[in-house]
Amino acid sequence: MENIGIIELEGMEFKAYHGCLEQEKVRGNSFTVDFRGELDLSAAAESDNLNDTVNYGEIYEIVADEMSIPSELLENVAGRIVKAIEKRFPQLVRFSVRVSKKKPPVDGTAQWSRVTLFHK
């Protein structure tokens, strides 16, 4: 019996150097990453064994590794995260990754700029 469930890891915070402007590459900015994945949780619900689910500690490490590589575009950062998660956790039915930049450099007030990529 399938028990499709959701695993989420929200509000992962990083200081990173993503952006097209020179000041973003030098000073950096605050970023938040959110992960939401769907998969069959039947085995984990019965076994109480971490090997039967997605280890969100590993999700965090994947995100941290990719966030440490400077990019001009949030789309590129999110795309690299998606590829790495897909490779490590093929059992995910579908998932999304949202990368948010705090106070983006725009001519006006904006709290966040965000990119969300969906897989499968």
N, C-alpha and C. Protein backbone atom coordinates (compact mmCIF):
# COMPACT_ATOMS: atom_id res chain seq x y z
N MET A 1 0.84 -1.18 0.00
CA MET A 1 0.00 0.00 0.00
C MET A 1 0.88 1.24 0.00
N GLU A 2 0.59 2.18 -0.86
CA GLU A 2 1.34 3.42 -0.91
C GLU A 2 0.78 4.44 0.05
N ASN A 3 1.66 5.08 0.75
CA ASN A 3 1.31 6.21 1.60
C ASN A 3 2.15 7.39 1.12
N ILE A 4 1.66 8.07 0.08
CA ILE A 4 2.40 9.22 -0.42
C ILE A 4 2.31 10.32 0.64
N GLY A 5 3.48 10.80 1.00
CA GLY A 5 3.55 11.84 2.02
C GLY A 5 4.46 12.97 1.57
N ILE A 6 4.59 13.94 2.41
CA ILE A 6 5.37 15.13 2.12
C ILE A 6 6.45 15.30 3.18
N ILE A 7 7.65 15.56 2.72
CA ILE A 7 8.76 15.92 3.60
C ILE A 7 9.17 17.34 3.22
N GLU A 8 9.29 18.20 4.22
CA GLU A 8 9.65 19.59 3.97
C GLU A 8 10.83 20.00 4.86
N LEU A 9 11.65 20.84 4.31
CA LEU A 9 12.72 21.48 5.06
C LEU A 9 12.68 22.94 4.66
N GLU A 10 12.15 23.77 5.54
CA GLU A 10 11.91 25.17 5.22
C GLU A 10 12.80 26.10 6.02
N GLY A 11 13.09 27.23 5.41
CA GLY A 11 13.80 28.29 6.11
C GLY A 11 15.29 28.03 6.31
N MET A 12 15.91 27.27 5.40
CA MET A 12 17.36 27.10 5.48
C MET A 12 18.00 28.44 5.13
N GLU A 13 18.82 28.96 6.01
CA GLU A 13 19.38 30.30 5.84
C GLU A 13 20.87 30.24 5.52
N PHE A 14 21.26 31.10 4.57
CA PHE A 14 22.65 31.14 4.12
C PHE A 14 23.05 32.57 3.80
N LYS A 15 24.31 32.88 4.04
CA LYS A 15 24.91 34.09 3.46
C LYS A 15 25.62 33.59 2.22
N ALA A 16 25.31 34.22 1.08
CA ALA A 16 25.88 33.76 -0.18
C ALA A 16 26.14 34.96 -1.09
N TYR A 17 26.76 34.68 -2.21
CA TYR A 17 27.24 35.73 -3.11
C TYR A 17 26.65 35.56 -4.52
N HIS A 18 25.33 35.46 -4.57
CA HIS A 18 24.63 35.31 -5.84
C HIS A 18 24.10 36.66 -6.30
N GLY A 19 24.25 36.95 -7.58
CA GLY A 19 23.72 38.18 -8.13
C GLY A 19 24.54 38.67 -9.30
N CYS A 20 23.94 39.55 -10.06
CA CYS A 20 24.59 40.10 -11.26
C CYS A 20 25.42 41.34 -10.95
N LEU A 21 25.09 42.03 -9.87
CA LEU A 21 25.78 43.28 -9.54
C LEU A 21 27.06 43.01 -8.76
N GLU A 22 28.06 43.83 -8.99
CA GLU A 22 29.36 43.66 -8.32
C GLU A 22 29.21 43.68 -6.80
N GLN A 23 28.36 44.58 -6.27
CA GLN A 23 28.17 44.67 -4.82
C GLN A 23 27.64 43.36 -4.24
N GLU A 24 26.81 42.64 -4.99
CA GLU A 24 26.28 41.36 -4.52
C GLU A 24 27.38 40.30 -4.48
N LYS A 25 28.30 40.38 -5.41
CA LYS A 25 29.39 39.42 -5.47
C LYS A 25 30.43 39.65 -4.38
N VAL A 26 30.53 40.90 -3.92
CA VAL A 26 31.52 41.25 -2.90
C VAL A 26 30.93 41.19 -1.50
N ARG A 27 29.79 41.83 -1.28
CA ARG A 27 29.19 41.91 0.05
C ARG A 27 28.34 40.69 0.40
N GLY A 28 27.76 40.06 -0.61
CA GLY A 28 26.87 38.95 -0.35
C GLY A 28 25.51 39.43 0.10
N ASN A 29 24.66 38.47 0.42
CA ASN A 29 23.30 38.78 0.84
C ASN A 29 22.77 37.60 1.65
N SER A 30 21.64 37.77 2.26
CA SER A 30 20.97 36.69 2.99
C SER A 30 20.01 35.98 2.06
N PHE A 31 20.04 34.65 2.11
CA PHE A 31 19.19 33.82 1.26
C PHE A 31 18.48 32.78 2.13
N THR A 32 17.31 32.41 1.69
CA THR A 32 16.55 31.32 2.33
C THR A 32 16.19 30.31 1.25
N VAL A 33 16.30 29.02 1.61
CA VAL A 33 15.94 27.96 0.68
C VAL A 33 14.89 27.07 1.35
N ASP A 34 13.86 26.71 0.59
CA ASP A 34 12.80 25.83 1.07
C ASP A 34 12.73 24.61 0.15
N PHE A 35 12.57 23.43 0.75
CA PHE A 35 12.44 22.18 0.01
C PHE A 35 11.12 21.53 0.40
N ARG A 36 10.42 20.98 -0.61
CA ARG A 36 9.19 20.23 -0.37
C ARG A 36 9.20 19.03 -1.31
N GLY A 37 9.15 17.83 -0.75
CA GLY A 37 9.20 16.63 -1.56
C GLY A 37 8.10 15.65 -1.24
N GLU A 38 7.63 14.96 -2.27
CA GLU A 38 6.60 13.94 -2.11
C GLU A 38 7.20 12.58 -2.45
N LEU A 39 6.88 11.59 -1.61
CA LEU A 39 7.36 10.23 -1.83
C LEU A 39 6.51 9.25 -1.05
N ASP A 40 6.69 7.98 -1.36
CA ASP A 40 6.00 6.92 -0.65
C ASP A 40 6.66 6.73 0.70
N LEU A 41 5.92 6.99 1.76
CA LEU A 41 6.45 6.88 3.12
C LEU A 41 5.98 5.62 3.84
N SER A 42 5.42 4.67 3.10
CA SER A 42 4.89 3.45 3.71
C SER A 42 5.94 2.70 4.53
N ALA A 43 7.10 2.47 3.94
CA ALA A 43 8.14 1.70 4.64
C ALA A 43 8.60 2.42 5.90
N ALA A 44 8.84 3.71 5.81
CA ALA A 44 9.30 4.47 6.98
C ALA A 44 8.24 4.52 8.07
N ALA A 45 6.97 4.59 7.66
CA ALA A 45 5.88 4.62 8.64
C ALA A 45 5.83 3.33 9.45
N GLU A 46 6.23 2.23 8.84
CA GLU A 46 6.25 0.92 9.53
C GLU A 46 7.56 0.66 10.24
N SER A 47 8.68 0.99 9.61
CA SER A 47 9.99 0.54 10.10
C SER A 47 10.62 1.45 11.15
N ASP A 48 10.30 2.74 11.13
CA ASP A 48 10.97 3.72 11.98
C ASP A 48 12.47 3.76 11.68
N ASN A 49 12.82 3.57 10.40
CA ASN A 49 14.21 3.49 9.98
C ASN A 49 14.50 4.62 8.99
N LEU A 50 15.53 5.39 9.27
CA LEU A 50 15.91 6.53 8.44
C LEU A 50 16.22 6.10 7.00
N ASN A 51 16.69 4.88 6.82
CA ASN A 51 17.01 4.40 5.47
C ASN A 51 15.78 4.24 4.59
N ASP A 52 14.60 4.27 5.17
CA ASP A 52 13.36 4.10 4.42
C ASP A 52 12.69 5.41 4.03
N THR A 53 13.42 6.51 4.18
CA THR A 53 12.86 7.81 3.84
C THR A 53 13.95 8.69 3.27
N VAL A 54 13.66 9.95 3.07
CA VAL A 54 14.63 10.94 2.62
C VAL A 54 15.22 11.60 3.86
N ASN A 55 16.52 11.55 3.98
CA ASN A 55 17.22 12.15 5.12
C ASN A 55 17.33 13.66 4.88
N TYR A 56 16.58 14.44 5.65
CA TYR A 56 16.61 15.88 5.40
C TYR A 56 17.92 16.52 5.82
N GLY A 57 18.73 15.82 6.63
CA GLY A 57 20.09 16.29 6.90
C GLY A 57 20.93 16.29 5.63
N GLU A 58 20.72 15.28 4.79
CA GLU A 58 21.42 15.21 3.51
C GLU A 58 20.88 16.26 2.54
N ILE A 59 19.59 16.53 2.59
CA ILE A 59 19.02 17.61 1.78
C ILE A 59 19.71 18.92 2.14
N TYR A 60 19.84 19.18 3.43
CA TYR A 60 20.49 20.41 3.88
C TYR A 60 21.91 20.50 3.35
N GLU A 61 22.66 19.41 3.43
CA GLU A 61 24.05 19.42 2.97
C GLU A 61 24.13 19.70 1.47
N ILE A 62 23.24 19.12 0.70
CA ILE A 62 23.20 19.37 -0.75
C ILE A 62 22.95 20.86 -0.99
N VAL A 63 21.96 21.40 -0.31
CA VAL A 63 21.63 22.82 -0.48
C VAL A 63 22.81 23.70 -0.07
N ALA A 64 23.42 23.41 1.07
CA ALA A 64 24.56 24.20 1.55
C ALA A 64 25.71 24.17 0.55
N ASP A 65 25.98 23.00 0.00
CA ASP A 65 27.07 22.88 -0.98
C ASP A 65 26.79 23.76 -2.20
N GLU A 66 25.58 23.70 -2.72
CA GLU A 66 25.25 24.48 -3.91
C GLU A 66 25.17 25.98 -3.62
N MET A 67 24.71 26.34 -2.44
CA MET A 67 24.64 27.76 -2.07
C MET A 67 26.02 28.37 -1.94
N SER A 68 27.03 27.56 -1.69
CA SER A 68 28.40 28.09 -1.52
C SER A 68 29.07 28.41 -2.86
N ILE A 69 28.45 28.04 -3.97
CA ILE A 69 29.00 28.31 -5.30
C ILE A 69 28.32 29.56 -5.87
N PRO A 70 29.04 30.66 -6.01
CA PRO A 70 28.41 31.90 -6.50
C PRO A 70 27.82 31.73 -7.90
N SER A 71 26.65 32.33 -8.10
CA SER A 71 25.96 32.35 -9.39
C SER A 71 25.39 33.73 -9.62
N GLU A 72 25.21 34.10 -10.86
CA GLU A 72 24.56 35.36 -11.15
C GLU A 72 23.05 35.26 -10.98
N LEU A 73 22.48 34.11 -11.32
CA LEU A 73 21.03 33.96 -11.32
C LEU A 73 20.54 32.96 -10.26
N LEU A 74 19.45 33.32 -9.59
CA LEU A 74 18.83 32.38 -8.65
C LEU A 74 18.35 31.13 -9.39
N GLU A 75 17.96 31.29 -10.65
CA GLU A 75 17.53 30.15 -11.44
C GLU A 75 18.64 29.10 -11.54
N ASN A 76 19.87 29.56 -11.68
CA ASN A 76 21.01 28.64 -11.77
C ASN A 76 21.24 27.92 -10.46
N VAL A 77 21.16 28.65 -9.37
CA VAL A 77 21.33 28.05 -8.04
C VAL A 77 20.26 26.98 -7.81
N ALA A 78 19.01 27.35 -8.05
CA ALA A 78 17.90 26.41 -7.85
C ALA A 78 18.05 25.20 -8.76
N GLY A 79 18.47 25.42 -10.00
CA GLY A 79 18.65 24.31 -10.94
C GLY A 79 19.71 23.33 -10.49
N ARG A 80 20.80 23.84 -9.95
CA ARG A 80 21.87 22.95 -9.44
C ARG A 80 21.38 22.16 -8.24
N ILE A 81 20.62 22.80 -7.36
CA ILE A 81 20.08 22.10 -6.19
C ILE A 81 19.14 20.99 -6.64
N VAL A 82 18.26 21.29 -7.58
CA VAL A 82 17.31 20.29 -8.08
C VAL A 82 18.05 19.09 -8.66
N LYS A 83 19.05 19.33 -9.49
CA LYS A 83 19.82 18.23 -10.09
C LYS A 83 20.48 17.36 -9.03
N ALA A 84 21.08 17.99 -8.03
CA ALA A 84 21.77 17.23 -6.98
C ALA A 84 20.80 16.41 -6.14
N ILE A 85 19.64 16.98 -5.82
CA ILE A 85 18.64 16.24 -5.03
C ILE A 85 18.08 15.09 -5.86
N GLU A 86 17.80 15.33 -7.13
CA GLU A 86 17.27 14.27 -7.99
C GLU A 86 18.26 13.10 -8.06
N LYS A 87 19.52 13.41 -8.19
CA LYS A 87 20.55 12.36 -8.29
C LYS A 87 20.63 11.54 -7.00
N ARG A 88 20.58 12.22 -5.86
CA ARG A 88 20.74 11.53 -4.57
C ARG A 88 19.47 10.81 -4.13
N PHE A 89 18.30 11.35 -4.46
CA PHE A 89 17.04 10.80 -3.97
C PHE A 89 16.07 10.51 -5.13
N PRO A 90 16.35 9.48 -5.94
CA PRO A 90 15.46 9.18 -7.07
C PRO A 90 14.08 8.70 -6.64
N GLN A 91 13.90 8.34 -5.37
CA GLN A 91 12.60 7.87 -4.89
C GLN A 91 11.58 8.99 -4.72
N LEU A 92 12.02 10.24 -4.86
CA LEU A 92 11.07 11.35 -4.77
C LEU A 92 10.13 11.32 -5.97
N VAL A 93 8.84 11.35 -5.70
CA VAL A 93 7.83 11.36 -6.76
C VAL A 93 7.86 12.71 -7.47
N ARG A 94 7.93 13.76 -6.70
CA ARG A 94 8.09 15.13 -7.20
C ARG A 94 8.58 15.97 -6.04
N PHE A 95 9.20 17.10 -6.39
CA PHE A 95 9.67 18.00 -5.34
C PHE A 95 9.86 19.40 -5.90
N SER A 96 9.98 20.35 -4.99
CA SER A 96 10.24 21.73 -5.38
C SER A 96 11.33 22.32 -4.49
N VAL A 97 12.02 23.29 -5.06
CA VAL A 97 13.06 24.03 -4.36
C VAL A 97 12.78 25.51 -4.61
N ARG A 98 12.72 26.28 -3.52
CA ARG A 98 12.52 27.73 -3.64
C ARG A 98 13.73 28.43 -3.04
N VAL A 99 14.36 29.30 -3.84
CA VAL A 99 15.50 30.09 -3.39
C VAL A 99 15.05 31.54 -3.32
N SER A 100 15.24 32.16 -2.16
CA SER A 100 14.80 33.54 -1.93
C SER A 100 15.97 34.42 -1.54
N LYS A 101 16.05 35.59 -2.15
CA LYS A 101 17.08 36.58 -1.82
C LYS A 101 16.43 37.71 -1.05
N LYS A 102 16.98 38.00 0.13
CA LYS A 102 16.42 39.06 0.98
C LYS A 102 16.82 40.44 0.45
N LYS A 103 15.86 41.34 0.42
CA LYS A 103 16.07 42.73 0.00
C LYS A 103 16.90 42.82 -1.28
N PRO A 104 16.35 42.35 -2.39
CA PRO A 104 17.08 42.41 -3.65
C PRO A 104 17.35 43.86 -4.07
N PRO A 105 18.43 44.07 -4.81
CA PRO A 105 18.78 45.44 -5.22
C PRO A 105 17.90 45.91 -6.38
N VAL A 106 16.77 46.50 -6.02
CA VAL A 106 15.85 47.07 -7.01
C VAL A 106 15.62 48.53 -6.67
N ASP A 107 15.10 49.27 -7.62
CA ASP A 107 14.84 50.69 -7.41
C ASP A 107 13.48 50.86 -6.73
N GLY A 108 13.43 50.47 -5.47
CA GLY A 108 12.19 50.52 -4.71
C GLY A 108 12.27 49.52 -3.57
N THR A 109 11.14 49.32 -2.91
CA THR A 109 11.09 48.41 -1.77
C THR A 109 10.64 47.03 -2.21
N ALA A 110 11.43 46.04 -1.85
CA ALA A 110 11.07 44.64 -2.09
C ALA A 110 11.72 43.81 -0.99
N GLN A 111 10.93 43.03 -0.31
CA GLN A 111 11.47 42.20 0.77
C GLN A 111 12.24 41.00 0.24
N TRP A 112 11.74 40.38 -0.83
CA TRP A 112 12.35 39.15 -1.35
C TRP A 112 12.27 39.12 -2.87
N SER A 113 13.24 38.47 -3.48
CA SER A 113 13.08 37.97 -4.84
C SER A 113 13.18 36.46 -4.72
N ARG A 114 12.36 35.73 -5.50
CA ARG A 114 12.28 34.28 -5.32
C ARG A 114 12.22 33.58 -6.67
N VAL A 115 12.79 32.37 -6.67
CA VAL A 115 12.66 31.47 -7.80
C VAL A 115 12.28 30.12 -7.24
N THR A 116 11.27 29.49 -7.82
CA THR A 116 10.84 28.16 -7.43
C THR A 116 10.91 27.25 -8.65
N LEU A 117 11.59 26.12 -8.49
CA LEU A 117 11.64 25.10 -9.54
C LEU A 117 10.95 23.85 -9.06
N PHE A 118 10.18 23.23 -9.94
CA PHE A 118 9.48 21.99 -9.64
C PHE A 118 10.10 20.87 -10.45
N HIS A 119 10.22 19.71 -9.85
CA HIS A 119 10.78 18.57 -10.56
C HIS A 119 9.75 17.44 -10.64
N LYS A 120 9.64 16.84 -11.78
CA LYS A 120 8.75 15.73 -12.12
C LYS A 120 7.36 16.17 -12.10
